[in-house]
Amino acid sequence: MTSPVNSVNDAGNMDAALDRQFSILREELQQLDAPAATEQLLLKAFANQQAKDKKQARIRRWHLWLGGMLTVGGSLGLFMMMVLAPTRMQDPAPPNTAYANADLPPFNLPPFIALVPLERLNNETPRMLEAEVPAAWLASLGMPVNPEMAGDLVQAQMLVDADGTPLAMRLLKY
């Protein structure tokens, strides 16, 4: 077993040995001193790199700000376009002269009612006429007519063949 006095001596011997080793290391490091020009080049390179990093950070901040503003502006523009300035559905085709006197726009017109068999309609090249027909004539075609309106005229469009025979009809004002 070691005595406490021996452990103190061992510690003192160890400190002396470490001091000798550190002094040898200091002497060698002093001999390896870099030239002053190399140190100046390294300091300049570090300063340039730090300036580039600051510039890139500033650019990133601008990109984030600009991206946010473009997002807000685009959203506001879509809002203005969709809510404050609503668009109307418009028929891309120019208005047909046959509908000029009709109160209904062309896309809301009722369908034609065939007055002859469909085979004959497919074989003919009809013309369209606007006419006012008596309501009593509609009753002869099987359409329900109010007896009080039997003497009134109803505005209609008719498809007629070359001889003037009605092929199909649609009512514009009934």
N, C-alpha and C. Protein backbone atom coordinates (compact mmCIF):
# COMPACT_ATOMS: atom_id res chain seq x y z
N MET A 1 0.83 -1.16 0.00
CA MET A 1 0.00 0.00 0.00
C MET A 1 0.88 1.23 0.00
N THR A 2 0.42 2.28 -0.71
CA THR A 2 1.24 3.49 -0.80
C THR A 2 0.85 4.45 0.31
N SER A 3 1.83 5.13 0.77
CA SER A 3 1.57 6.09 1.84
C SER A 3 1.17 7.41 1.22
N PRO A 4 0.54 8.31 2.00
CA PRO A 4 0.13 9.59 1.47
C PRO A 4 1.31 10.44 1.09
N VAL A 5 2.45 10.22 1.70
CA VAL A 5 3.63 11.01 1.37
C VAL A 5 4.13 10.62 -0.01
N ASN A 6 4.09 9.36 -0.35
CA ASN A 6 4.52 8.88 -1.66
C ASN A 6 3.60 9.40 -2.77
N SER A 7 2.31 9.49 -2.50
CA SER A 7 1.39 9.99 -3.52
C SER A 7 1.63 11.45 -3.80
N VAL A 8 2.05 12.23 -2.81
CA VAL A 8 2.35 13.63 -3.04
C VAL A 8 3.61 13.74 -3.87
N ASN A 9 4.63 12.90 -3.59
CA ASN A 9 5.85 12.91 -4.37
C ASN A 9 5.59 12.49 -5.81
N ASP A 10 4.72 11.50 -5.99
CA ASP A 10 4.39 11.04 -7.35
C ASP A 10 3.70 12.16 -8.13
N ALA A 11 2.84 12.91 -7.44
CA ALA A 11 2.15 14.02 -8.09
C ALA A 11 3.14 15.11 -8.45
N GLY A 12 4.10 15.38 -7.59
CA GLY A 12 5.10 16.39 -7.87
C GLY A 12 5.99 15.98 -9.02
N ASN A 13 6.38 14.68 -9.06
CA ASN A 13 7.17 14.17 -10.18
C ASN A 13 6.39 14.27 -11.49
N MET A 14 5.08 14.01 -11.42
CA MET A 14 4.26 14.07 -12.63
C MET A 14 4.16 15.51 -13.13
N ASP A 15 3.97 16.46 -12.23
CA ASP A 15 3.90 17.86 -12.63
C ASP A 15 5.20 18.31 -13.28
N ALA A 16 6.34 17.88 -12.71
CA ALA A 16 7.63 18.26 -13.27
C ALA A 16 7.79 17.66 -14.66
N ALA A 17 7.36 16.43 -14.85
CA ALA A 17 7.47 15.79 -16.16
C ALA A 17 6.59 16.52 -17.18
N LEU A 18 5.39 16.90 -16.76
CA LEU A 18 4.48 17.61 -17.68
C LEU A 18 5.05 18.98 -18.02
N ASP A 19 5.63 19.66 -17.05
CA ASP A 19 6.22 20.97 -17.33
C ASP A 19 7.34 20.85 -18.35
N ARG A 20 8.19 19.81 -18.25
CA ARG A 20 9.25 19.62 -19.24
C ARG A 20 8.67 19.37 -20.63
N GLN A 21 7.65 18.54 -20.70
CA GLN A 21 7.05 18.23 -22.00
C GLN A 21 6.40 19.48 -22.62
N PHE A 22 5.70 20.28 -21.81
CA PHE A 22 5.08 21.50 -22.33
C PHE A 22 6.12 22.51 -22.79
N SER A 23 7.24 22.62 -22.10
CA SER A 23 8.28 23.55 -22.53
C SER A 23 8.89 23.12 -23.85
N ILE A 24 9.07 21.80 -24.05
CA ILE A 24 9.57 21.31 -25.34
C ILE A 24 8.56 21.65 -26.45
N LEU A 25 7.27 21.46 -26.18
CA LEU A 25 6.22 21.75 -27.16
C LEU A 25 6.18 23.23 -27.50
N ARG A 26 6.35 24.12 -26.49
CA ARG A 26 6.35 25.56 -26.74
C ARG A 26 7.51 25.95 -27.66
N GLU A 27 8.68 25.39 -27.41
CA GLU A 27 9.86 25.70 -28.23
C GLU A 27 9.63 25.27 -29.68
N GLU A 28 9.03 24.12 -29.90
CA GLU A 28 8.79 23.65 -31.26
C GLU A 28 7.73 24.51 -31.95
N LEU A 29 6.70 24.91 -31.22
CA LEU A 29 5.66 25.75 -31.82
C LEU A 29 6.21 27.12 -32.21
N GLN A 30 7.14 27.66 -31.45
CA GLN A 30 7.73 28.95 -31.79
C GLN A 30 8.57 28.85 -33.07
N GLN A 31 9.13 27.69 -33.33
CA GLN A 31 9.90 27.50 -34.55
C GLN A 31 8.97 27.36 -35.76
N LEU A 32 7.71 26.93 -35.55
CA LEU A 32 6.76 26.73 -36.66
C LEU A 32 5.91 27.96 -36.94
N ASP A 33 6.27 29.12 -36.53
CA ASP A 33 5.50 30.35 -36.70
C ASP A 33 5.32 30.65 -38.19
N ALA A 34 4.05 30.92 -38.63
CA ALA A 34 3.76 31.22 -40.04
C ALA A 34 4.22 32.62 -40.37
N PRO A 35 4.58 32.86 -41.65
CA PRO A 35 4.99 34.21 -42.04
C PRO A 35 3.82 35.20 -41.90
N ALA A 36 4.12 36.47 -41.72
CA ALA A 36 3.09 37.51 -41.52
C ALA A 36 2.22 37.67 -42.75
N ALA A 37 2.76 37.50 -43.96
CA ALA A 37 1.97 37.65 -45.20
C ALA A 37 0.88 36.59 -45.27
N THR A 38 1.16 35.37 -44.82
CA THR A 38 0.16 34.30 -44.85
C THR A 38 -0.99 34.65 -43.91
N GLU A 39 -0.64 35.17 -42.74
CA GLU A 39 -1.66 35.55 -41.79
C GLU A 39 -2.56 36.65 -42.35
N GLN A 40 -1.97 37.64 -43.04
CA GLN A 40 -2.75 38.72 -43.65
C GLN A 40 -3.66 38.19 -44.74
N LEU A 41 -3.18 37.24 -45.57
CA LEU A 41 -4.02 36.65 -46.63
C LEU A 41 -5.21 35.90 -46.03
N LEU A 42 -4.96 35.16 -44.96
CA LEU A 42 -6.04 34.42 -44.32
C LEU A 42 -7.09 35.37 -43.73
N LEU A 43 -6.64 36.42 -43.07
CA LEU A 43 -7.59 37.39 -42.51
C LEU A 43 -8.43 38.06 -43.60
N LYS A 44 -7.79 38.38 -44.73
CA LYS A 44 -8.51 39.00 -45.85
C LYS A 44 -9.53 38.03 -46.45
N ALA A 45 -9.15 36.76 -46.60
CA ALA A 45 -10.07 35.74 -47.15
C ALA A 45 -11.26 35.55 -46.22
N PHE A 46 -11.02 35.52 -44.89
CA PHE A 46 -12.12 35.39 -43.94
C PHE A 46 -13.06 36.60 -44.01
N ALA A 47 -12.49 37.79 -44.16
CA ALA A 47 -13.32 39.00 -44.25
C ALA A 47 -14.18 38.98 -45.52
N ASN A 48 -13.60 38.54 -46.65
CA ASN A 48 -14.38 38.45 -47.90
C ASN A 48 -15.51 37.44 -47.77
N GLN A 49 -15.23 36.30 -47.16
CA GLN A 49 -16.26 35.27 -47.00
C GLN A 49 -17.39 35.78 -46.12
N GLN A 50 -17.05 36.50 -45.06
CA GLN A 50 -18.07 37.04 -44.17
C GLN A 50 -18.92 38.08 -44.90
N ALA A 51 -18.32 38.90 -45.77
CA ALA A 51 -19.08 39.90 -46.54
C ALA A 51 -20.05 39.20 -47.50
N LYS A 52 -19.58 38.10 -48.15
CA LYS A 52 -20.46 37.36 -49.06
C LYS A 52 -21.63 36.76 -48.30
N ASP A 53 -21.36 36.22 -47.12
CA ASP A 53 -22.43 35.62 -46.32
C ASP A 53 -23.47 36.67 -45.92
N LYS A 54 -23.02 37.87 -45.56
CA LYS A 54 -23.96 38.93 -45.20
C LYS A 54 -24.80 39.35 -46.40
N LYS A 55 -24.16 39.43 -47.58
CA LYS A 55 -24.89 39.82 -48.80
C LYS A 55 -25.93 38.76 -49.16
N GLN A 56 -25.57 37.48 -49.05
CA GLN A 56 -26.52 36.42 -49.37
C GLN A 56 -27.68 36.41 -48.37
N ALA A 57 -27.39 36.68 -47.11
CA ALA A 57 -28.47 36.75 -46.12
C ALA A 57 -29.41 37.90 -46.43
N ARG A 58 -28.87 39.04 -46.88
CA ARG A 58 -29.70 40.19 -47.24
C ARG A 58 -30.56 39.85 -48.45
N ILE A 59 -29.99 39.15 -49.43
CA ILE A 59 -30.76 38.75 -50.63
C ILE A 59 -31.87 37.78 -50.24
N ARG A 60 -31.58 36.84 -49.35
CA ARG A 60 -32.61 35.89 -48.91
C ARG A 60 -33.76 36.62 -48.23
N ARG A 61 -33.44 37.64 -47.41
CA ARG A 61 -34.49 38.41 -46.77
C ARG A 61 -35.35 39.12 -47.80
N TRP A 62 -34.74 39.69 -48.84
CA TRP A 62 -35.50 40.36 -49.90
C TRP A 62 -36.37 39.36 -50.65
N HIS A 63 -35.85 38.16 -50.92
CA HIS A 63 -36.64 37.15 -51.63
C HIS A 63 -37.87 36.77 -50.82
N LEU A 64 -37.68 36.58 -49.52
CA LEU A 64 -38.82 36.24 -48.67
C LEU A 64 -39.85 37.36 -48.66
N TRP A 65 -39.39 38.59 -48.52
CA TRP A 65 -40.30 39.73 -48.50
C TRP A 65 -41.04 39.86 -49.83
N LEU A 66 -40.29 39.74 -50.93
CA LEU A 66 -40.90 39.88 -52.25
C LEU A 66 -41.90 38.74 -52.51
N GLY A 67 -41.54 37.52 -52.12
CA GLY A 67 -42.47 36.39 -52.29
C GLY A 67 -43.75 36.60 -51.51
N GLY A 68 -43.63 37.11 -50.30
CA GLY A 68 -44.83 37.38 -49.50
C GLY A 68 -45.70 38.45 -50.12
N MET A 69 -45.07 39.52 -50.61
CA MET A 69 -45.84 40.60 -51.23
C MET A 69 -46.53 40.13 -52.51
N LEU A 70 -45.84 39.31 -53.30
CA LEU A 70 -46.46 38.78 -54.52
C LEU A 70 -47.64 37.87 -54.18
N THR A 71 -47.51 37.09 -53.13
CA THR A 71 -48.61 36.22 -52.72
C THR A 71 -49.81 37.05 -52.27
N VAL A 72 -49.57 38.05 -51.46
CA VAL A 72 -50.67 38.91 -50.99
C VAL A 72 -51.29 39.66 -52.16
N GLY A 73 -50.44 40.19 -53.06
CA GLY A 73 -50.97 40.92 -54.21
C GLY A 73 -51.78 40.04 -55.14
N GLY A 74 -51.29 38.82 -55.38
CA GLY A 74 -52.04 37.90 -56.24
C GLY A 74 -53.37 37.51 -55.62
N SER A 75 -53.36 37.26 -54.32
CA SER A 75 -54.62 36.91 -53.64
C SER A 75 -55.60 38.06 -53.69
N LEU A 76 -55.11 39.26 -53.46
CA LEU A 76 -55.99 40.43 -53.52
C LEU A 76 -56.53 40.64 -54.94
N GLY A 77 -55.67 40.43 -55.94
CA GLY A 77 -56.12 40.56 -57.33
C GLY A 77 -57.20 39.54 -57.67
N LEU A 78 -57.03 38.29 -57.24
CA LEU A 78 -58.06 37.28 -57.49
C LEU A 78 -59.36 37.63 -56.76
N PHE A 79 -59.23 38.13 -55.55
CA PHE A 79 -60.41 38.55 -54.81
C PHE A 79 -61.15 39.65 -55.56
N MET A 80 -60.41 40.65 -56.03
CA MET A 80 -61.04 41.75 -56.76
C MET A 80 -61.72 41.23 -58.02
N MET A 81 -61.04 40.32 -58.71
CA MET A 81 -61.59 39.83 -59.97
C MET A 81 -62.84 38.98 -59.74
N MET A 82 -62.84 38.15 -58.70
CA MET A 82 -63.95 37.23 -58.50
C MET A 82 -65.13 37.84 -57.75
N VAL A 83 -64.87 38.73 -56.81
CA VAL A 83 -65.95 39.23 -55.97
C VAL A 83 -66.42 40.62 -56.39
N LEU A 84 -65.49 41.52 -56.56
CA LEU A 84 -65.89 42.90 -56.81
C LEU A 84 -66.23 43.17 -58.27
N ALA A 85 -65.70 42.40 -59.19
CA ALA A 85 -66.00 42.59 -60.60
C ALA A 85 -66.47 41.26 -61.19
N PRO A 86 -67.69 40.82 -60.85
CA PRO A 86 -68.14 39.51 -61.34
C PRO A 86 -68.31 39.52 -62.86
N THR A 87 -67.98 38.42 -63.44
CA THR A 87 -68.10 38.30 -64.89
C THR A 87 -69.45 37.68 -65.23
N ARG A 88 -69.95 38.04 -66.39
CA ARG A 88 -71.19 37.47 -66.87
C ARG A 88 -70.87 36.48 -67.96
N MET A 89 -71.64 35.42 -68.00
CA MET A 89 -71.49 34.45 -69.09
C MET A 89 -72.08 35.09 -70.34
N GLN A 90 -71.28 35.15 -71.37
CA GLN A 90 -71.76 35.75 -72.61
C GLN A 90 -71.67 34.72 -73.71
N ASP A 91 -72.62 34.79 -74.62
CA ASP A 91 -72.61 33.90 -75.77
C ASP A 91 -71.53 34.37 -76.72
N PRO A 92 -70.55 33.53 -77.08
CA PRO A 92 -69.47 33.97 -77.95
C PRO A 92 -69.93 34.25 -79.38
N ALA A 93 -71.05 33.67 -79.79
CA ALA A 93 -71.53 33.88 -81.15
C ALA A 93 -72.23 35.23 -81.24
N PRO A 94 -72.14 35.90 -82.38
CA PRO A 94 -72.87 37.16 -82.54
C PRO A 94 -74.37 36.91 -82.53
N PRO A 95 -75.13 37.87 -82.09
CA PRO A 95 -76.58 37.65 -82.02
C PRO A 95 -77.17 37.44 -83.41
N ASN A 96 -78.06 36.50 -83.49
CA ASN A 96 -78.73 36.17 -84.74
C ASN A 96 -79.85 37.20 -84.98
N THR A 97 -80.01 37.61 -86.22
CA THR A 97 -81.04 38.61 -86.53
C THR A 97 -82.44 38.06 -86.31
N ALA A 98 -82.61 36.73 -86.33
CA ALA A 98 -83.93 36.15 -86.11
C ALA A 98 -84.38 36.38 -84.68
N TYR A 99 -83.46 36.57 -83.76
CA TYR A 99 -83.81 36.78 -82.37
C TYR A 99 -83.88 38.25 -82.01
N ALA A 100 -83.68 39.14 -82.94
CA ALA A 100 -83.58 40.56 -82.64
C ALA A 100 -84.85 41.10 -82.01
N ASN A 101 -86.01 40.61 -82.45
CA ASN A 101 -87.27 41.11 -81.91
C ASN A 101 -87.75 40.34 -80.71
N ALA A 102 -87.12 39.25 -80.39
CA ALA A 102 -87.55 38.41 -79.27
C ALA A 102 -87.10 39.03 -77.96
N ASP A 103 -87.93 38.91 -76.94
CA ASP A 103 -87.56 39.42 -75.63
C ASP A 103 -86.60 38.48 -74.92
N LEU A 104 -86.58 37.21 -75.30
CA LEU A 104 -85.71 36.24 -74.64
C LEU A 104 -84.36 36.19 -75.35
N PRO A 105 -83.26 36.08 -74.62
CA PRO A 105 -81.96 35.91 -75.28
C PRO A 105 -81.89 34.55 -75.95
N PRO A 106 -81.01 34.37 -76.95
CA PRO A 106 -80.98 33.14 -77.74
C PRO A 106 -80.74 31.89 -76.91
N PHE A 107 -79.99 31.97 -75.82
CA PHE A 107 -79.67 30.75 -75.09
C PHE A 107 -80.80 30.36 -74.14
N ASN A 108 -81.85 31.16 -74.00
CA ASN A 108 -82.99 30.82 -73.15
C ASN A 108 -84.24 30.50 -73.97
N LEU A 109 -84.13 30.37 -75.26
CA LEU A 109 -85.29 30.09 -76.09
C LEU A 109 -85.75 28.67 -75.88
N PRO A 110 -87.07 28.47 -75.93
CA PRO A 110 -87.58 27.10 -75.80
C PRO A 110 -87.25 26.30 -77.06
N PRO A 111 -87.30 24.98 -76.97
CA PRO A 111 -86.98 24.15 -78.13
C PRO A 111 -88.10 24.21 -79.17
N PHE A 112 -87.76 23.80 -80.39
CA PHE A 112 -88.77 23.69 -81.44
C PHE A 112 -89.63 22.47 -81.19
N ILE A 113 -90.92 22.60 -81.55
CA ILE A 113 -91.86 21.48 -81.47
C ILE A 113 -92.09 21.02 -82.91
N ALA A 114 -91.82 19.75 -83.15
CA ALA A 114 -91.98 19.22 -84.52
C ALA A 114 -93.47 19.13 -84.86
N LEU A 115 -93.81 19.62 -86.06
CA LEU A 115 -95.19 19.55 -86.54
C LEU A 115 -95.35 18.44 -87.57
N VAL A 116 -94.26 17.88 -88.05
CA VAL A 116 -94.25 16.78 -89.02
C VAL A 116 -93.34 15.69 -88.48
N PRO A 117 -93.35 14.48 -89.07
CA PRO A 117 -92.46 13.43 -88.60
C PRO A 117 -90.97 13.85 -88.72
N LEU A 118 -90.15 13.34 -87.81
CA LEU A 118 -88.74 13.71 -87.78
C LEU A 118 -87.99 13.34 -89.05
N GLU A 119 -88.42 12.27 -89.74
CA GLU A 119 -87.75 11.88 -90.99
C GLU A 119 -87.86 13.00 -92.02
N ARG A 120 -88.99 13.63 -92.07
CA ARG A 120 -89.18 14.72 -93.02
C ARG A 120 -88.34 15.94 -92.63
N LEU A 121 -88.20 16.20 -91.32
CA LEU A 121 -87.36 17.30 -90.86
C LEU A 121 -85.91 17.08 -91.26
N ASN A 122 -85.43 15.85 -91.16
CA ASN A 122 -84.04 15.55 -91.51
C ASN A 122 -83.79 15.66 -93.01
N ASN A 123 -84.81 15.44 -93.82
CA ASN A 123 -84.63 15.49 -95.27
C ASN A 123 -84.74 16.90 -95.83
N GLU A 124 -85.35 17.82 -95.12
CA GLU A 124 -85.58 19.17 -95.61
C GLU A 124 -84.44 20.10 -95.18
N THR A 125 -84.32 21.22 -95.88
CA THR A 125 -83.44 22.32 -95.46
C THR A 125 -84.36 23.50 -95.16
N PRO A 126 -84.78 23.62 -93.90
CA PRO A 126 -85.82 24.59 -93.56
C PRO A 126 -85.28 26.02 -93.46
N ARG A 127 -86.20 26.96 -93.59
CA ARG A 127 -85.93 28.37 -93.32
C ARG A 127 -86.66 28.72 -92.04
N MET A 128 -86.19 29.75 -91.34
CA MET A 128 -86.85 30.15 -90.11
C MET A 128 -87.57 31.48 -90.34
N LEU A 129 -88.82 31.52 -89.90
CA LEU A 129 -89.65 32.72 -90.00
C LEU A 129 -90.19 33.07 -88.62
N GLU A 130 -90.38 34.34 -88.40
CA GLU A 130 -91.11 34.78 -87.20
C GLU A 130 -92.50 35.15 -87.65
N ALA A 131 -93.45 34.71 -86.82
CA ALA A 131 -94.85 34.97 -87.19
C ALA A 131 -95.68 35.13 -85.93
N GLU A 132 -96.84 35.72 -86.10
CA GLU A 132 -97.82 35.79 -85.02
C GLU A 132 -98.98 34.90 -85.44
N VAL A 133 -99.24 33.92 -84.62
CA VAL A 133 -100.29 32.94 -84.95
C VAL A 133 -101.40 33.05 -83.92
N PRO A 134 -102.64 32.78 -84.33
CA PRO A 134 -103.74 32.84 -83.37
C PRO A 134 -103.63 31.70 -82.36
N ALA A 135 -103.98 31.96 -81.13
CA ALA A 135 -103.93 30.95 -80.09
C ALA A 135 -104.86 29.79 -80.40
N ALA A 136 -105.94 30.04 -81.13
CA ALA A 136 -106.85 28.95 -81.50
C ALA A 136 -106.15 27.94 -82.38
N TRP A 137 -105.19 28.38 -83.22
CA TRP A 137 -104.45 27.45 -84.08
C TRP A 137 -103.58 26.53 -83.22
N LEU A 138 -103.05 27.05 -82.10
CA LEU A 138 -102.27 26.22 -81.18
C LEU A 138 -103.13 25.11 -80.60
N ALA A 139 -104.39 25.43 -80.35
CA ALA A 139 -105.30 24.41 -79.82
C ALA A 139 -105.51 23.31 -80.84
N SER A 140 -105.52 23.64 -82.15
CA SER A 140 -105.68 22.61 -83.18
C SER A 140 -104.46 21.69 -83.24
N LEU A 141 -103.29 22.18 -82.74
CA LEU A 141 -102.08 21.35 -82.70
C LEU A 141 -102.02 20.49 -81.44
N GLY A 142 -103.01 20.66 -80.55
CA GLY A 142 -103.06 19.85 -79.33
C GLY A 142 -102.46 20.53 -78.12
N MET A 143 -102.14 21.81 -78.24
CA MET A 143 -101.57 22.51 -77.10
C MET A 143 -102.70 23.07 -76.24
N PRO A 144 -102.53 23.07 -74.93
CA PRO A 144 -103.60 23.63 -74.08
C PRO A 144 -103.64 25.16 -74.21
N VAL A 145 -104.82 25.68 -74.47
CA VAL A 145 -104.99 27.13 -74.65
C VAL A 145 -106.14 27.58 -73.76
N ASN A 146 -105.93 28.67 -73.07
CA ASN A 146 -106.97 29.25 -72.23
C ASN A 146 -108.04 29.81 -73.16
N PRO A 147 -109.30 29.46 -72.96
CA PRO A 147 -110.36 29.96 -73.84
C PRO A 147 -110.44 31.48 -73.89
N GLU A 148 -110.03 32.16 -72.83
CA GLU A 148 -110.06 33.62 -72.85
C GLU A 148 -109.01 34.18 -73.80
N MET A 149 -107.93 33.38 -74.10
CA MET A 149 -106.87 33.84 -74.99
C MET A 149 -107.04 33.33 -76.42
N ALA A 150 -108.12 32.64 -76.71
CA ALA A 150 -108.28 32.01 -78.02
C ALA A 150 -108.23 33.03 -79.15
N GLY A 151 -108.63 34.24 -78.93
CA GLY A 151 -108.61 35.24 -79.99
C GLY A 151 -107.30 36.02 -80.05
N ASP A 152 -106.40 35.83 -79.10
CA ASP A 152 -105.14 36.57 -79.08
C ASP A 152 -104.12 35.98 -80.04
N LEU A 153 -103.15 36.83 -80.40
CA LEU A 153 -102.06 36.37 -81.26
C LEU A 153 -100.85 36.02 -80.39
N VAL A 154 -100.15 34.97 -80.80
CA VAL A 154 -98.98 34.48 -80.07
C VAL A 154 -97.78 34.61 -81.00
N GLN A 155 -96.66 35.18 -80.47
CA GLN A 155 -95.46 35.33 -81.29
C GLN A 155 -94.71 33.99 -81.29
N ALA A 156 -94.30 33.54 -82.49
CA ALA A 156 -93.63 32.25 -82.63
C ALA A 156 -92.59 32.31 -83.73
N GLN A 157 -91.66 31.37 -83.68
CA GLN A 157 -90.71 31.16 -84.77
C GLN A 157 -91.04 29.81 -85.38
N MET A 158 -90.99 29.78 -86.70
CA MET A 158 -91.36 28.55 -87.39
C MET A 158 -90.28 28.17 -88.39
N LEU A 159 -90.05 26.87 -88.49
CA LEU A 159 -89.21 26.32 -89.55
C LEU A 159 -90.14 25.86 -90.65
N VAL A 160 -89.95 26.39 -91.86
CA VAL A 160 -90.81 26.05 -92.99
C VAL A 160 -89.96 25.48 -94.11
N ASP A 161 -90.60 24.63 -94.94
CA ASP A 161 -89.86 24.08 -96.09
C ASP A 161 -89.95 25.06 -97.26
N ALA A 162 -89.45 24.66 -98.41
CA ALA A 162 -89.40 25.55 -99.57
C ALA A 162 -90.80 25.98 -100.02
N ASP A 163 -91.83 25.14 -99.80
CA ASP A 163 -93.20 25.47 -100.19
C ASP A 163 -93.91 26.36 -99.17
N GLY A 164 -93.30 26.55 -97.99
CA GLY A 164 -93.93 27.36 -96.94
C GLY A 164 -94.73 26.55 -95.95
N THR A 165 -94.65 25.23 -96.03
CA THR A 165 -95.38 24.36 -95.10
C THR A 165 -94.63 24.35 -93.77
N PRO A 166 -95.29 24.60 -92.65
CA PRO A 166 -94.60 24.59 -91.35
C PRO A 166 -94.11 23.19 -90.99
N LEU A 167 -92.84 23.12 -90.55
CA LEU A 167 -92.24 21.84 -90.15
C LEU A 167 -92.10 21.76 -88.62
N ALA A 168 -91.71 22.87 -88.01
CA ALA A 168 -91.54 22.92 -86.55
C ALA A 168 -91.82 24.34 -86.09
N MET A 169 -92.13 24.47 -84.78
CA MET A 169 -92.48 25.78 -84.28
C MET A 169 -92.03 25.87 -82.80
N ARG A 170 -91.67 27.11 -82.41
CA ARG A 170 -91.45 27.37 -81.00
C ARG A 170 -92.12 28.70 -80.65
N LEU A 171 -92.66 28.74 -79.45
CA LEU A 171 -93.40 29.91 -79.01
C LEU A 171 -92.44 30.87 -78.30
N LEU A 172 -92.46 32.14 -78.68
CA LEU A 172 -91.62 33.14 -78.05
C LEU A 172 -92.40 33.88 -76.96
N LYS A 173 -93.62 34.28 -77.25
CA LYS A 173 -94.49 34.94 -76.27
C LYS A 173 -95.81 34.21 -76.28
N TYR A 174 -96.17 33.68 -75.12
CA TYR A 174 -97.42 32.90 -75.04
C TYR A 174 -98.23 33.43 -73.92
